[in-house]
Protein backbone atom coordinates (compact mmCIF):
# COMPACT_ATOMS: atom_id res chain seq x y z
CA MET A 1 89.41 77.54 88.54
CA LYS A 2 88.60 81.23 88.81
CA TYR A 3 87.78 83.61 85.97
CA HIS A 4 88.21 87.34 85.51
CA ILE A 5 84.87 88.71 84.32
CA PHE A 6 84.82 92.28 83.01
CA ILE A 7 81.65 94.26 83.66
CA GLY A 8 81.25 96.80 80.88
CA SER A 9 81.10 100.53 81.55
CA THR A 10 77.80 102.38 81.16
CA PRO A 11 76.50 105.88 81.84
CA ASP A 12 75.07 106.57 85.31
CA ASP A 13 71.77 104.94 84.33
CA LEU A 14 73.02 101.49 85.41
CA LYS A 15 75.25 102.36 88.37
CA SER A 16 73.40 100.25 90.95
CA GLU A 17 72.81 97.40 88.47
CA ARG A 18 76.54 97.11 87.77
CA LYS A 19 77.23 96.80 91.51
CA GLU A 20 74.76 93.93 91.63
CA LEU A 21 76.49 92.26 88.69
CA ALA A 22 79.81 92.47 90.55
CA ARG A 23 78.15 90.83 93.55
CA ILE A 24 76.78 87.99 91.38
CA VAL A 25 80.24 87.35 89.89
CA MET A 26 81.80 87.20 93.36
CA GLU A 27 79.10 84.87 94.69
CA LEU A 28 79.84 82.51 91.81
CA GLY A 29 83.44 82.40 93.05
CA HIS A 30 84.99 84.53 90.30
CA ILE A 31 86.59 87.98 90.06
CA PRO A 32 84.68 91.03 88.78
CA VAL A 33 86.74 93.60 86.86
CA MET A 34 85.57 97.14 86.03
CA ALA A 35 87.13 100.24 84.50
CA ASP A 36 85.85 102.42 87.34
CA CYS A 37 89.12 102.22 89.25
CA LEU A 38 91.25 103.29 86.29
CA ASP A 39 92.40 106.88 86.05
CA GLY A 40 90.69 108.17 82.93
CA GLY A 41 92.92 111.27 82.89
CA ASP A 42 96.15 109.31 82.64
CA ARG A 43 97.82 109.56 79.24
CA ASN A 44 98.13 105.75 79.12
CA ALA A 45 94.54 105.19 80.26
CA GLN A 46 93.38 103.73 76.95
CA LYS A 47 96.30 101.28 76.79
CA LEU A 48 95.69 100.21 80.37
CA LEU A 49 91.97 99.72 79.70
CA GLN A 50 92.73 97.63 76.62
CA LYS A 51 95.22 95.48 78.55
CA THR A 52 92.70 95.04 81.38
CA VAL A 53 89.93 93.89 79.05
CA GLU A 54 92.21 91.61 77.04
CA GLU A 55 93.36 89.80 80.19
CA CYS A 56 89.80 88.93 81.21
CA ASP A 57 88.10 85.61 80.43
CA TYR A 58 84.53 86.84 79.90
CA PHE A 59 82.81 90.18 79.31
CA ILE A 60 79.38 91.23 80.59
CA ALA A 61 77.65 93.97 78.59
CA PRO A 62 74.67 95.49 80.47
CA VAL A 63 72.55 97.77 78.27
CA ALA A 64 69.48 99.90 78.97
CA HIS A 65 68.35 103.02 77.09
CA LYS A 66 71.55 105.09 77.19
CA TYR A 67 74.32 104.97 74.60
CA GLY A 68 76.90 107.43 75.88
CA ASP A 69 77.88 111.05 76.06
CA ALA A 70 76.70 113.14 73.17
CA GLY A 71 79.98 115.04 73.18
CA ASP A 72 82.26 112.41 71.66
CA GLY A 73 79.50 110.24 70.20
CA ILE A 74 81.22 107.01 71.30
CA SER A 75 79.81 104.72 73.94
CA PRO A 76 82.41 103.51 76.46
CA LEU A 77 80.67 100.15 76.48
CA PHE A 78 80.84 99.93 72.69
CA ALA A 79 84.60 100.64 72.81
CA GLU A 80 85.18 97.97 75.48
CA VAL A 81 83.06 95.40 73.65
CA SER A 82 85.10 96.05 70.50
CA ILE A 83 88.31 95.27 72.40
CA ALA A 84 86.84 92.05 73.79
CA ALA A 85 85.48 90.94 70.41
CA LYS A 86 88.82 91.45 68.67
CA LYS A 87 90.52 89.31 71.32
CA GLY A 88 87.88 86.56 71.05
CA ILE A 89 86.59 87.10 74.58
CA PRO A 90 82.96 85.92 74.95
CA VAL A 91 80.61 88.89 75.34
CA LEU A 92 77.52 88.14 77.44
CA ALA A 93 74.84 90.73 76.71
CA LEU A 94 72.12 91.76 79.17
CA ILE A 95 69.71 94.00 77.28
CA ILE A 96 66.75 95.69 78.94
CA ASP A 97 63.33 94.56 77.74
CA GLU A 98 61.58 97.25 75.72
CA LYS A 99 58.47 96.73 77.85
CA ALA A 100 60.31 97.32 81.13
CA ARG A 101 59.36 100.38 83.16
CA TRP A 102 62.12 102.97 82.92
CA LYS A 103 62.49 106.65 83.75
CA SER A 104 62.34 108.93 80.72
CA SER A 105 65.32 110.83 82.12
CA LYS A 106 67.39 107.69 81.65
CA LYS A 107 66.57 107.39 77.96
CA GLU A 108 68.37 108.84 74.96
CA GLU A 109 66.66 111.77 73.28
CA ASP A 110 69.14 112.42 70.49
CA GLU A 111 67.92 110.51 67.44
CA THR A 112 71.44 109.79 66.24
CA LEU A 113 72.39 108.19 69.57
CA VAL A 114 69.12 106.24 69.64
CA ARG A 115 69.93 104.73 66.24
CA ARG A 116 73.47 103.90 67.33
CA LEU A 117 72.10 102.26 70.48
CA ASP A 118 69.61 100.18 68.48
CA ASP A 119 72.36 99.05 66.10
CA PHE A 120 74.59 98.19 69.06
CA LYS A 121 71.86 96.09 70.68
CA GLU A 122 71.27 94.19 67.44
CA LYS A 123 74.98 93.39 67.25
CA LEU A 124 75.01 92.16 70.86
CA ARG A 125 72.02 89.88 70.21
CA GLU A 126 74.17 87.87 67.78
CA GLY A 127 76.00 86.35 70.77
CA PRO A 128 74.95 85.02 74.19
CA CYS A 129 72.14 87.33 75.28
CA GLU A 130 69.32 87.71 77.81
CA THR A 131 66.72 90.44 78.34
CA TRP A 132 65.74 91.80 81.76
CA THR A 133 62.96 93.92 83.25
CA ASN A 134 64.26 94.95 86.69
CA THR A 135 67.30 94.57 88.95
CA ALA A 136 66.20 91.23 90.42
CA ASP A 137 65.53 89.86 86.95
CA LEU A 138 68.90 91.19 85.78
CA CYS A 139 70.71 89.32 88.57
CA GLN A 140 68.88 86.08 87.86
CA LYS A 141 69.50 86.31 84.10
CA ALA A 142 73.16 87.26 84.65
CA GLN A 143 73.77 84.24 86.87
CA SER A 144 72.18 81.78 84.44
CA LEU A 145 74.00 83.35 81.48
CA ILE A 146 77.39 83.19 83.22
CA VAL A 147 76.91 79.60 84.39
CA ARG A 148 75.78 78.48 80.93
CA GLU A 149 78.69 80.19 79.18
CA LEU A 150 81.24 78.77 81.64
CA SER A 151 79.90 75.31 80.86
CA LEU A 152 79.74 75.72 77.08
CA ASN A 153 82.76 77.94 76.42
CA SER A 154 85.59 77.15 78.82
CA ARG A 155 88.36 79.76 79.11
CA PRO A 156 91.95 79.66 80.52
CA GLY A 157 91.14 81.26 83.88
CA TRP A 158 93.69 81.05 86.68
CA VAL A 159 94.59 79.03 89.77
CA ARG A 160 96.36 79.91 93.02
CA ALA A 161 100.14 79.87 92.87
CA ASP A 162 100.30 77.12 95.50
CA ARG A 163 98.25 74.88 93.20
CA LEU A 164 100.60 75.31 90.25
CA ILE A 165 103.20 72.76 89.21
CA ASP A 166 106.84 73.71 88.85
CA PRO A 167 107.53 74.37 85.12
CA ALA A 168 110.33 71.79 85.02
CA VAL A 169 108.09 69.15 86.55
CA ALA A 170 105.24 70.12 84.24
CA ASN A 171 107.48 69.79 81.18
CA GLU A 172 108.69 66.37 82.30
CA MET A 173 105.14 65.22 83.01
CA SER A 174 104.07 66.46 79.58
CA ARG A 175 106.98 64.62 77.93
CA LEU A 176 106.18 61.39 79.76
CA SER A 177 102.47 61.74 78.97
CA ASN A 178 103.19 62.21 75.26
CA GLU A 179 105.59 59.30 75.32
CA ASN A 180 103.02 57.12 77.06
CA SER A 181 100.34 58.11 74.55
CA GLU A 182 102.65 57.32 71.63
CA LEU A 183 103.56 53.90 73.06
CA ARG A 184 99.89 53.21 73.70
CA ARG A 185 98.99 54.10 70.10
CA ARG A 186 101.73 51.80 68.79
CA LEU A 187 100.61 48.97 71.05
CA LEU A 188 97.00 49.28 70.02
CA GLY A 189 97.96 49.72 66.39
CA ASN A 190 99.91 46.48 66.43
CA ASP A 191 97.44 44.55 68.54
CA GLY A 192 93.88 44.51 67.29
CA GLU A 193 92.80 42.41 70.26
CA ALA A 194 94.08 45.04 72.75
CA PHE A 195 92.34 47.79 70.82
CA ALA A 196 89.07 45.87 70.80
CA LYS A 197 89.41 45.23 74.56
CA LEU A 198 89.92 48.94 75.21
CA ARG A 199 86.85 49.81 73.15
CA ASP A 200 84.80 47.24 75.06
CA GLU A 201 85.99 48.71 78.37
CA GLN A 202 85.03 52.20 77.24
CA ASP A 203 81.63 51.03 75.98
CA HIS A 204 80.95 49.34 79.31
CA ALA A 205 82.03 52.37 81.34
CA LEU A 206 79.87 54.73 79.25
CA LYS A 207 76.87 52.42 79.60
CA VAL A 208 77.34 52.32 83.38
CA LEU A 209 77.49 56.13 83.47
CA ALA A 210 74.44 56.43 81.22
CA MET A 211 72.30 53.93 83.15
CA ASN A 212 73.02 54.99 86.73
CA LYS A 213 71.45 58.04 88.34
CA VAL A 214 71.88 59.97 91.56
CA THR A 215 69.45 62.26 93.36
CA LEU A 216 70.73 65.71 94.30
CA SER A 217 68.88 68.18 96.50
CA PHE A 218 69.69 71.88 96.71
CA TYR A 219 70.07 74.31 99.59
CA TYR A 220 69.22 77.90 98.66
CA ALA A 221 70.71 81.06 100.13
CA LEU A 222 67.39 82.11 101.69
CA GLY A 223 66.16 78.58 102.39
CA ASP A 224 66.08 76.60 105.61
CA ASN A 225 66.16 73.02 104.30
CA TRP A 226 67.07 70.83 101.33
CA GLU A 227 64.76 71.39 98.35
CA SER A 228 64.14 70.59 94.68
CA PRO A 229 65.44 66.98 94.56
CA ARG A 230 66.33 66.01 91.01
CA GLN A 231 67.79 62.89 89.43
CA PHE A 232 70.86 63.25 87.25
CA ARG A 233 72.56 60.62 85.13
CA TYR A 234 76.19 59.94 86.01
CA ILE A 235 77.22 60.66 82.43
CA ARG A 236 75.93 64.22 82.72
CA ILE A 237 77.77 64.81 85.98
CA PHE A 238 80.95 63.24 84.58
CA LYS A 239 81.05 65.36 81.41
CA THR A 240 80.27 68.49 83.46
CA LEU A 241 83.07 67.85 85.95
CA VAL A 242 85.90 66.75 83.65
CA PRO A 243 87.20 70.27 82.78
CA GLU A 244 87.02 71.22 86.47
CA LEU A 245 88.98 68.20 87.70
CA VAL A 246 92.05 68.68 85.50
CA LEU A 247 93.72 70.70 88.26
CA GLY A 248 91.78 69.08 91.09
CA LYS A 249 88.88 70.24 93.26
CA THR A 250 87.91 69.60 96.86
CA THR A 251 84.60 67.99 97.79
CA SER A 252 83.18 71.37 98.84
CA GLU A 253 84.28 73.00 95.57
CA ILE A 254 82.63 70.22 93.58
CA SER A 255 79.44 70.64 95.64
CA ARG A 256 79.45 74.39 94.97
CA PHE A 257 80.12 73.94 91.25
CA LEU A 258 77.43 71.30 90.70
CA GLY A 259 74.98 73.24 92.86
CA THR A 260 75.42 76.29 90.66
CA VAL A 261 75.46 74.51 87.29
CA LEU A 262 72.65 72.02 87.98
CA ASN A 263 70.41 74.35 90.00
CA PRO A 264 66.87 73.61 88.68
CA ASP A 265 65.44 76.90 89.99
CA LEU A 266 67.38 79.69 88.30
CA GLU A 267 65.24 82.32 89.99
CA ARG A 268 66.93 81.42 93.30
CA THR A 269 70.59 81.45 94.28
CA VAL A 270 72.09 78.42 95.99
CA ARG A 271 74.05 78.96 99.18
CA ARG A 272 77.83 79.13 98.94
CA ASP A 273 78.83 76.31 101.32
CA TYR A 274 77.67 72.84 100.27
CA PRO A 275 74.60 73.75 98.17
CA THR A 276 74.43 70.03 97.37
CA PRO A 277 74.81 67.33 100.09
CA SER A 278 78.41 66.37 100.87
CA ASN A 279 77.49 62.70 101.27
CA SER A 280 75.96 62.67 97.76
CA ILE A 281 79.07 64.30 96.30
CA LYS A 282 81.36 61.81 98.05
CA LYS A 283 79.23 58.91 96.78
CA ILE A 284 79.46 60.20 93.21
CA MET A 285 83.23 60.66 93.40
CA ALA A 286 83.68 57.26 95.05
CA ASP A 287 81.73 55.64 92.21
CA PHE A 288 83.86 57.51 89.67
CA SER A 289 86.92 56.26 91.54
CA VAL A 290 85.69 52.65 91.28
CA LEU A 291 85.46 53.17 87.53
CA LYS A 292 89.05 54.53 87.62
CA LEU A 293 87.88 57.90 86.28
CA VAL A 294 89.13 59.99 89.21
CA LYS A 295 91.67 59.72 92.01
CA CYS A 296 91.64 61.22 95.48
CA ASP A 297 94.47 62.85 97.42
CA HIS A 298 94.28 64.03 101.03
CA VAL A 299 96.23 67.30 101.07
CA ASP A 300 96.05 67.98 104.82
CA GLU A 301 94.71 65.51 107.38
CA THR A 302 93.96 68.38 109.80
CA LEU A 303 91.41 69.91 107.45
CA ALA A 304 87.78 68.78 107.38
CA ASP A 305 87.58 69.25 103.62
CA ASN A 306 90.91 67.65 102.77
CA GLU A 307 89.91 65.55 99.76
CA VAL A 308 91.13 66.77 96.39
CA TRP A 309 89.71 64.89 93.40
CA GLU A 310 91.50 64.81 90.05
CA ILE A 311 90.66 63.26 86.71
CA THR A 312 92.82 60.25 85.80
CA GLU A 313 94.45 59.60 82.44
CA TYR A 314 91.85 56.89 81.84
CA GLY A 315 89.13 59.40 82.74
CA LYS A 316 90.51 61.79 80.15
CA GLU A 317 90.60 59.02 77.53
CA LEU A 318 87.01 58.03 78.29
CA TYR A 319 85.85 61.65 78.06
CA SER A 320 87.71 61.99 74.75
CA ALA A 321 86.01 58.83 73.43
CA TYR A 322 82.62 60.12 74.59
CA ARG A 323 83.11 63.49 72.87
CA MET A 324 84.32 61.85 69.66
CA ARG A 325 81.20 59.68 69.54
CA GLN A 326 79.02 62.74 70.08
CA LEU A 327 80.78 64.60 67.29
CA ASP A 328 80.53 61.59 65.01
CA ARG A 329 76.77 61.41 65.57
CA VAL A 330 76.42 65.11 64.72
CA LEU A 331 78.46 64.57 61.56
CA VAL A 332 76.29 61.61 60.55
CA ARG A 333 73.07 63.58 61.11
CA LYS A 334 74.36 66.52 59.08
CA SER A 335 75.49 64.20 56.31
CA GLU A 336 72.06 62.54 56.23
CA ALA A 337 70.35 65.91 56.18
CA VAL A 338 72.46 67.02 53.22
CA GLN A 339 71.62 63.83 51.32
CA GLU A 340 67.90 64.15 52.04
CA GLY A 341 67.79 67.88 51.29
CA PRO A 342 67.28 67.83 47.48
CA GLU A 343 64.51 65.22 47.72
CA SER A 344 62.60 67.08 50.46
């Protein structure tokens, strides 16, 4: 799954920083989008900009000490953020630390613009936000912010055309899936023993995932060996991978995704090709396959990385049961807190 990530426009004070942000987005395997290539003099420029922003999955808002041109009094970044916010696109703010060293020539002098900038920053801090002190810090914070948001707030994104399913086939698969789910609900509804057996199977599978761990090491872009070995519970890896496996991922893609998401040293960037060991990834997926959570297809026997892993229907059901139990626990805790509130 790839995402279009819009990098907000700024005055010339952040020209080099925005280039670095585009590089970070590309290294994460996604597509950076900027307004720089649009013809601002075109009479439909504003409509095209709005369409471009609205079609993106995420929005990065880098901010330093400049608001915009004093002539029109409107910051281009503010206008773009407004478009994203109205469309419900997550805005990831990267605001410069007030203690960071910065040239006075790159700071606003007009008091009105300074106030507008301060108000704008306060608004951005209401959402996902990080502060930065220099370009290297900006890149590190941007990477961690993007990875965290992709994990917590999944968006539609896009896939290659050759990975898509024909609409007619997709509709038939959807119909059969709904029919199967309905028959399953009726069966379980009429057979308490079958329902209890299913619950026992799910309990057992979740316990297995919770109890078993795997050690993953990481290979960094500027490193020369495997480093930072960490143990991760299977349940964490499973819940992290489920959204990614709906359309299938190769072993190398899974390695890259887990390497980026689970990287314990956010100050360093993992390498692009197999940042986590391929044998560890294959072991994990084989164990998931034993539990009937995933299935493997070999798309092309001539390719070295020919394994495509997909989540099974049972895997989806188990993930759904896991999430429901999590949500139920949150509901119980909130309910208990409300009941204890007046007394405390």
